[in-house]
Amino acid sequence: MVGNNVSHANNKTKRRLLPNLRTVRIQLEDGTRVKIRVAASALRTLKKNRS
């Protein structure tokens, strides 16, 4: 996403809002492990659905 940095003097400069990516290893149904980059918000969803 794109937004603005806003200073105390109300000056606006462009900034980028990047996702919070994490590298995790997950185990597939066939038993193999795969490394993927997942957002931290998606990790919470994975953990919630796992239990």
PDB file of N, CA and C in Angstrom:
ATOM      1  N   MET A   1       0.840  -1.171   0.000  1.00  0.00           N
ATOM      2  CA  MET A   1       0.000   0.000   0.000  1.00  0.00           C
ATOM      3  C   MET A   1       0.887   1.237   0.000  1.00  0.00           C
ATOM      4  N   VAL A   2       0.279   2.355  -0.320  1.00  0.00           N
ATOM      5  CA  VAL A   2       0.990   3.623  -0.353  1.00  0.00           C
ATOM      6  C   VAL A   2       0.270   4.592   0.564  1.00  0.00           C
ATOM      7  N   GLY A   3       1.042   5.392   1.285  1.00  0.00           N
ATOM      8  CA  GLY A   3       0.453   6.393   2.161  1.00  0.00           C
ATOM      9  C   GLY A   3       1.368   7.585   2.279  1.00  0.00           C
ATOM     10  N   ASN A   4       1.155   8.385   3.286  1.00  0.00           N
ATOM     11  CA  ASN A   4       1.957   9.581   3.509  1.00  0.00           C
ATOM     12  C   ASN A   4       2.573   9.552   4.894  1.00  0.00           C
ATOM     13  N   ASN A   5       3.843  10.031   4.989  1.00  0.00           N
ATOM     14  CA  ASN A   5       4.399  10.429   6.269  1.00  0.00           C
ATOM     15  C   ASN A   5       3.930  11.850   6.499  1.00  0.00           C
ATOM     16  N   VAL A   6       3.404  12.146   7.664  1.00  0.00           N
ATOM     17  CA  VAL A   6       2.926  13.496   7.961  1.00  0.00           C
ATOM     18  C   VAL A   6       3.715  14.013   9.151  1.00  0.00           C
ATOM     19  N   SER A   7       4.445  15.103   8.940  1.00  0.00           N
ATOM     20  CA  SER A   7       5.268  15.674   9.998  1.00  0.00           C
ATOM     21  C   SER A   7       4.429  16.558  10.912  1.00  0.00           C
ATOM     22  N   HIS A   8       5.069  17.022  11.982  1.00  0.00           N
ATOM     23  CA  HIS A   8       4.391  17.916  12.926  1.00  0.00           C
ATOM     24  C   HIS A   8       3.982  19.221  12.236  1.00  0.00           C
ATOM     25  N   ALA A   9       4.760  19.631  11.214  1.00  0.00           N
ATOM     26  CA  ALA A   9       4.448  20.834  10.442  1.00  0.00           C
ATOM     27  C   ALA A   9       3.458  20.541   9.312  1.00  0.00           C
ATOM     28  N   ASN A  10       2.903  19.313   9.312  1.00  0.00           N
ATOM     29  CA  ASN A  10       1.905  18.867   8.328  1.00  0.00           C
ATOM     30  C   ASN A  10       2.468  18.761   6.914  1.00  0.00           C
ATOM     31  N   ASN A  11       3.795  18.552   6.805  1.00  0.00           N
ATOM     32  CA  ASN A  11       4.392  18.258   5.502  1.00  0.00           C
ATOM     33  C   ASN A  11       4.101  16.804   5.177  1.00  0.00           C
ATOM     34  N   LYS A  12       3.773  16.529   3.936  1.00  0.00           N
ATOM     35  CA  LYS A  12       3.424  15.166   3.535  1.00  0.00           C
ATOM     36  C   LYS A  12       4.428  14.654   2.510  1.00  0.00           C
ATOM     37  N   THR A  13       5.006  13.485   2.793  1.00  0.00           N
ATOM     38  CA  THR A  13       5.895  12.816   1.848  1.00  0.00           C
ATOM     39  C   THR A  13       5.397  11.389   1.675  1.00  0.00           C
ATOM     40  N   LYS A  14       5.585  10.841   0.484  1.00  0.00           N
ATOM     41  CA  LYS A  14       5.098   9.496   0.180  1.00  0.00           C
ATOM     42  C   LYS A  14       5.885   8.441   0.935  1.00  0.00           C
ATOM     43  N   ARG A  15       5.202   7.376   1.329  1.00  0.00           N
ATOM     44  CA  ARG A  15       5.828   6.225   1.958  1.00  0.00           C
ATOM     45  C   ARG A  15       5.127   4.966   1.481  1.00  0.00           C
ATOM     46  N   ARG A  16       5.834   3.822   1.620  1.00  0.00           N
ATOM     47  CA  ARG A  16       5.239   2.537   1.273  1.00  0.00           C
ATOM     48  C   ARG A  16       4.953   1.765   2.540  1.00  0.00           C
ATOM     49  N   LEU A  17       3.811   1.105   2.605  1.00  0.00           N
ATOM     50  CA  LEU A  17       3.439   0.253   3.727  1.00  0.00           C
ATOM     51  C   LEU A  17       3.560  -1.195   3.255  1.00  0.00           C
ATOM     52  N   LEU A  18       4.607  -1.882   3.723  1.00  0.00           N
ATOM     53  CA  LEU A  18       4.914  -3.233   3.253  1.00  0.00           C
ATOM     54  C   LEU A  18       4.336  -4.273   4.207  1.00  0.00           C
ATOM     55  N   PRO A  19       3.980  -5.465   3.696  1.00  0.00           N
ATOM     56  CA  PRO A  19       3.470  -6.518   4.566  1.00  0.00           C
ATOM     57  C   PRO A  19       4.577  -7.063   5.474  1.00  0.00           C
ATOM     58  N   ASN A  20       4.176  -7.579   6.618  1.00  0.00           N
ATOM     59  CA  ASN A  20       5.100  -8.151   7.596  1.00  0.00           C
ATOM     60  C   ASN A  20       5.344  -9.611   7.216  1.00  0.00           C
ATOM     61  N   LEU A  21       6.338  -9.855   6.352  1.00  0.00           N
ATOM     62  CA  LEU A  21       6.586 -11.195   5.818  1.00  0.00           C
ATOM     63  C   LEU A  21       7.511 -11.991   6.724  1.00  0.00           C
ATOM     64  N   ARG A  22       7.213 -13.284   6.857  1.00  0.00           N
ATOM     65  CA  ARG A  22       8.016 -14.234   7.618  1.00  0.00           C
ATOM     66  C   ARG A  22       8.258 -15.456   6.748  1.00  0.00           C
ATOM     67  N   THR A  23       9.447 -16.055   6.853  1.00  0.00           N
ATOM     68  CA  THR A  23       9.744 -17.303   6.157  1.00  0.00           C
ATOM     69  C   THR A  23       9.435 -18.457   7.104  1.00  0.00           C
ATOM     70  N   VAL A  24       8.547 -19.343   6.682  1.00  0.00           N
ATOM     71  CA  VAL A  24       8.163 -20.484   7.513  1.00  0.00           C
ATOM     72  C   VAL A  24       8.253 -21.764   6.696  1.00  0.00           C
ATOM     73  N   ARG A  25       8.469 -22.875   7.403  1.00  0.00           N
ATOM     74  CA  ARG A  25       8.451 -24.193   6.768  1.00  0.00           C
ATOM     75  C   ARG A  25       7.139 -24.858   7.146  1.00  0.00           C
ATOM     76  N   ILE A  26       6.387 -25.291   6.143  1.00  0.00           N
ATOM     77  CA  ILE A  26       5.141 -26.001   6.419  1.00  0.00           C
ATOM     78  C   ILE A  26       5.241 -27.400   5.846  1.00  0.00           C
ATOM     79  N   GLN A  27       4.526 -28.311   6.454  1.00  0.00           N
ATOM     80  CA  GLN A  27       4.528 -29.697   6.007  1.00  0.00           C
ATOM     81  C   GLN A  27       3.273 -29.942   5.183  1.00  0.00           C
ATOM     82  N   LEU A  28       3.466 -30.473   3.973  1.00  0.00           N
ATOM     83  CA  LEU A  28       2.347 -30.768   3.084  1.00  0.00           C
ATOM     84  C   LEU A  28       1.737 -32.121   3.440  1.00  0.00           C
ATOM     85  N   GLU A  29       0.617 -32.438   2.777  1.00  0.00           N
ATOM     86  CA  GLU A  29      -0.072 -33.701   3.071  1.00  0.00           C
ATOM     87  C   GLU A  29       0.789 -34.922   2.758  1.00  0.00           C
ATOM     88  N   ASP A  30       1.654 -34.809   1.732  1.00  0.00           N
ATOM     89  CA  ASP A  30       2.495 -35.959   1.369  1.00  0.00           C
ATOM     90  C   ASP A  30       3.744 -36.078   2.245  1.00  0.00           C
ATOM     91  N   GLY A  31       3.893 -35.219   3.252  1.00  0.00           N
ATOM     92  CA  GLY A  31       4.997 -35.330   4.195  1.00  0.00           C
ATOM     93  C   GLY A  31       6.194 -34.462   3.878  1.00  0.00           C
ATOM     94  N   THR A  32       6.249 -33.840   2.716  1.00  0.00           N
ATOM     95  CA  THR A  32       7.382 -32.990   2.367  1.00  0.00           C
ATOM     96  C   THR A  32       7.228 -31.626   3.021  1.00  0.00           C
ATOM     97  N   ARG A  33       8.376 -31.005   3.296  1.00  0.00           N
ATOM     98  CA  ARG A  33       8.375 -29.667   3.888  1.00  0.00           C
ATOM     99  C   ARG A  33       8.748 -28.645   2.827  1.00  0.00           C
ATOM    100  N   VAL A  34       8.069 -27.486   2.859  1.00  0.00           N
ATOM    101  CA  VAL A  34       8.292 -26.431   1.883  1.00  0.00           C
ATOM    102  C   VAL A  34       8.466 -25.116   2.627  1.00  0.00           C
ATOM    103  N   LYS A  35       9.450 -24.312   2.183  1.00  0.00           N
ATOM    104  CA  LYS A  35       9.624 -22.982   2.753  1.00  0.00           C
ATOM    105  C   LYS A  35       8.787 -21.998   1.949  1.00  0.00           C
ATOM    106  N   ILE A  36       7.990 -21.193   2.649  1.00  0.00           N
ATOM    107  CA  ILE A  36       7.213 -20.153   1.976  1.00  0.00           C
ATOM    108  C   ILE A  36       7.312 -18.866   2.781  1.00  0.00           C
ATOM    109  N   ARG A  37       7.113 -17.743   2.097  1.00  0.00           N
ATOM    110  CA  ARG A  37       7.081 -16.444   2.766  1.00  0.00           C
ATOM    111  C   ARG A  37       5.622 -16.066   2.966  1.00  0.00           C
ATOM    112  N   VAL A  38       5.248 -15.866   4.229  1.00  0.00           N
ATOM    113  CA  VAL A  38       3.854 -15.646   4.591  1.00  0.00           C
ATOM    114  C   VAL A  38       3.774 -14.384   5.435  1.00  0.00           C
ATOM    115  N   ALA A  39       2.698 -13.631   5.270  1.00  0.00           N
ATOM    116  CA  ALA A  39       2.459 -12.479   6.124  1.00  0.00           C
ATOM    117  C   ALA A  39       2.140 -12.958   7.537  1.00  0.00           C
ATOM    118  N   ALA A  40       2.500 -12.157   8.530  1.00  0.00           N
ATOM    119  CA  ALA A  40       2.266 -12.521   9.924  1.00  0.00           C
ATOM    120  C   ALA A  40       0.780 -12.699  10.200  1.00  0.00           C
ATOM    121  N   SER A  41      -0.064 -11.919   9.539  1.00  0.00           N
ATOM    122  CA  SER A  41      -1.512 -12.054   9.729  1.00  0.00           C
ATOM    123  C   SER A  41      -2.003 -13.396   9.194  1.00  0.00           C
ATOM    124  N   ALA A  42      -1.403 -13.896   8.122  1.00  0.00           N
ATOM    125  CA  ALA A  42      -1.780 -15.194   7.575  1.00  0.00           C
ATOM    126  C   ALA A  42      -1.309 -16.324   8.489  1.00  0.00           C
ATOM    127  N   LEU A  43      -0.179 -16.130   9.173  1.00  0.00           N
ATOM    128  CA  LEU A  43       0.306 -17.141  10.120  1.00  0.00           C
ATOM    129  C   LEU A  43      -0.694 -17.346  11.249  1.00  0.00           C
ATOM    130  N   ARG A  44      -1.292 -16.267  11.722  1.00  0.00           N
ATOM    131  CA  ARG A  44      -2.293 -16.384  12.779  1.00  0.00           C
ATOM    132  C   ARG A  44      -3.477 -17.203  12.294  1.00  0.00           C
ATOM    133  N   THR A  45      -3.880 -16.999  11.045  1.00  0.00           N
ATOM    134  CA  THR A  45      -4.990 -17.749  10.477  1.00  0.00           C
ATOM    135  C   THR A  45      -4.628 -19.231  10.360  1.00  0.00           C
ATOM    136  N   LEU A  46      -3.395 -19.527   9.919  1.00  0.00           N
ATOM    137  CA  LEU A  46      -2.941 -20.917   9.813  1.00  0.00           C
ATOM    138  C   LEU A  46      -2.968 -21.601  11.167  1.00  0.00           C
ATOM    139  N   LYS A  47      -2.456 -20.916  12.184  1.00  0.00           N
ATOM    140  CA  LYS A  47      -2.432 -21.516  13.526  1.00  0.00           C
ATOM    141  C   LYS A  47      -3.840 -21.717  14.070  1.00  0.00           C
ATOM    142  N   LYS A  48      -4.731 -20.805  13.772  1.00  0.00           N
ATOM    143  CA  LYS A  48      -6.126 -20.916  14.248  1.00  0.00           C
ATOM    144  C   LYS A  48      -6.826 -22.109  13.597  1.00  0.00           C
ATOM    145  N   ASN A  49      -6.620 -22.304  12.298  1.00  0.00           N
ATOM    146  CA  ASN A  49      -7.283 -23.388  11.570  1.00  0.00           C
ATOM    147  C   ASN A  49      -6.656 -24.751  11.863  1.00  0.00           C
ATOM    148  N   ARG A  50      -5.398 -24.744  12.307  1.00  0.00           N
ATOM    149  CA  ARG A  50      -4.697 -26.005  12.568  1.00  0.00           C
ATOM    150  C   ARG A  50      -5.252 -26.709  13.801  1.00  0.00           C
ATOM    151  N   SER A  51      -5.594 -25.966  14.849  1.00  0.00           N
ATOM    152  CA  SER A  51      -6.039 -26.603  16.100  1.00  0.00           C
ATOM    153  C   SER A  51      -7.539 -26.812  16.160  1.00  0.00           C
TER     154      SER A  51
END
